[in-house]
Amino acid sequence: MRACQRIYAGKFTADELKELIKFYGTPVGKKAAKLLPEISGEVGKKVGAVIVQRMPAAMRKAGIQ
């Protein structure tokens, strides 16, 4: 758990963390916390498919074969 705390502390100020805590205490924040893993997974699948399609051309353009 300390590792997570350090990550958040490295990305947000103390005031921002307080705002996040308030937000996640709201109904929308609770819904977001519940749905974000699912949403992230769906986005990852979509982005992954695009990367697979575009990677060969990008590698050729960069001179990597």
C-alpha atoms as a PDB file:
ATOM      1  CA  MET A   1       0.000   0.000   0.000  1.00  0.00           C
ATOM      2  CA  ARG A   2       2.893   2.369   0.702  1.00  0.00           C
ATOM      3  CA  ALA A   3       4.059   1.977  -2.902  1.00  0.00           C
ATOM      4  CA  CYS A   4       0.672   3.218  -4.119  1.00  0.00           C
ATOM      5  CA  GLN A   5       0.835   6.143  -1.728  1.00  0.00           C
ATOM      6  CA  ARG A   6       4.266   7.113  -3.056  1.00  0.00           C
ATOM      7  CA  ILE A   7       3.023   6.939  -6.646  1.00  0.00           C
ATOM      8  CA  TYR A   8       0.057   9.188  -5.918  1.00  0.00           C
ATOM      9  CA  ALA A   9       2.213  11.561  -3.857  1.00  0.00           C
ATOM     10  CA  GLY A  10       4.601  11.835  -6.783  1.00  0.00           C
ATOM     11  CA  LYS A  11       1.822  12.780  -9.182  1.00  0.00           C
ATOM     12  CA  PHE A  12      -0.456  14.975  -7.060  1.00  0.00           C
ATOM     13  CA  THR A  13       0.009  17.733  -4.509  1.00  0.00           C
ATOM     14  CA  ALA A  14      -1.436  17.323  -1.020  1.00  0.00           C
ATOM     15  CA  ASP A  15      -4.294  19.672  -1.926  1.00  0.00           C
ATOM     16  CA  GLU A  16      -5.030  17.711  -5.093  1.00  0.00           C
ATOM     17  CA  LEU A  17      -5.096  14.470  -3.114  1.00  0.00           C
ATOM     18  CA  LYS A  18      -7.607  16.016  -0.722  1.00  0.00           C
ATOM     19  CA  GLU A  19      -9.774  16.967  -3.707  1.00  0.00           C
ATOM     20  CA  LEU A  20      -9.524  13.428  -5.087  1.00  0.00           C
ATOM     21  CA  ILE A  21     -10.590  12.013  -1.744  1.00  0.00           C
ATOM     22  CA  LYS A  22     -13.590  14.346  -1.736  1.00  0.00           C
ATOM     23  CA  PHE A  23     -14.451  13.429  -5.319  1.00  0.00           C
ATOM     24  CA  TYR A  24     -14.266   9.680  -4.713  1.00  0.00           C
ATOM     25  CA  GLY A  25     -16.618  10.180  -1.768  1.00  0.00           C
ATOM     26  CA  THR A  26     -19.337  11.501  -4.080  1.00  0.00           C
ATOM     27  CA  PRO A  27     -21.789   9.273  -5.972  1.00  0.00           C
ATOM     28  CA  VAL A  28     -20.099  10.046  -9.307  1.00  0.00           C
ATOM     29  CA  GLY A  29     -16.661   9.430  -7.784  1.00  0.00           C
ATOM     30  CA  LYS A  30     -17.795   6.076  -6.413  1.00  0.00           C
ATOM     31  CA  LYS A  31     -19.206   5.147  -9.810  1.00  0.00           C
ATOM     32  CA  ALA A  32     -15.975   6.230 -11.515  1.00  0.00           C
ATOM     33  CA  ALA A  33     -13.871   4.184  -9.085  1.00  0.00           C
ATOM     34  CA  LYS A  34     -16.040   1.160  -9.746  1.00  0.00           C
ATOM     35  CA  LEU A  35     -16.042   1.515 -13.541  1.00  0.00           C
ATOM     36  CA  LEU A  36     -12.497   2.778 -14.247  1.00  0.00           C
ATOM     37  CA  PRO A  37     -10.877  -0.684 -14.290  1.00  0.00           C
ATOM     38  CA  GLU A  38     -13.479  -1.915 -16.779  1.00  0.00           C
ATOM     39  CA  ILE A  39     -13.191   1.238 -18.888  1.00  0.00           C
ATOM     40  CA  SER A  40      -9.393   1.041 -18.860  1.00  0.00           C
ATOM     41  CA  GLY A  41      -9.553  -2.563 -20.042  1.00  0.00           C
ATOM     42  CA  GLU A  42     -11.892  -1.688 -22.896  1.00  0.00           C
ATOM     43  CA  VAL A  43      -9.752   1.278 -23.934  1.00  0.00           C
ATOM     44  CA  GLY A  44      -6.626  -0.891 -23.756  1.00  0.00           C
ATOM     45  CA  LYS A  45      -8.161  -3.463 -26.086  1.00  0.00           C
ATOM     46  CA  LYS A  46      -9.145  -0.792 -28.600  1.00  0.00           C
ATOM     47  CA  VAL A  47      -5.757   0.929 -28.461  1.00  0.00           C
ATOM     48  CA  GLY A  48      -3.947  -2.400 -28.620  1.00  0.00           C
ATOM     49  CA  ALA A  49      -5.774  -3.308 -31.820  1.00  0.00           C
ATOM     50  CA  VAL A  50      -4.832   0.022 -33.398  1.00  0.00           C
ATOM     51  CA  ILE A  51      -1.197  -0.392 -32.367  1.00  0.00           C
ATOM     52  CA  VAL A  52      -1.059  -3.855 -33.924  1.00  0.00           C
ATOM     53  CA  GLN A  53      -2.429  -2.427 -37.178  1.00  0.00           C
ATOM     54  CA  ARG A  54      -0.131   0.592 -37.283  1.00  0.00           C
ATOM     55  CA  MET A  55       3.084  -0.860 -35.878  1.00  0.00           C
ATOM     56  CA  PRO A  56       4.447  -2.433 -39.088  1.00  0.00           C
ATOM     57  CA  ALA A  57       4.174   0.852 -41.041  1.00  0.00           C
ATOM     58  CA  ALA A  58       5.633   2.832 -38.143  1.00  0.00           C
ATOM     59  CA  MET A  59       8.572   0.433 -37.900  1.00  0.00           C
ATOM     60  CA  ARG A  60       9.211   0.651 -41.659  1.00  0.00           C
ATOM     61  CA  LYS A  61       9.075   4.446 -41.475  1.00  0.00           C
ATOM     62  CA  ALA A  62      11.624   4.383 -38.645  1.00  0.00           C
ATOM     63  CA  GLY A  63      13.845   2.036 -40.614  1.00  0.00           C
ATOM     64  CA  ILE A  64      13.243  -0.918 -38.309  1.00  0.00           C
ATOM     65  CA  GLN A  65      12.360  -4.198 -39.897  1.00  0.00           C
END
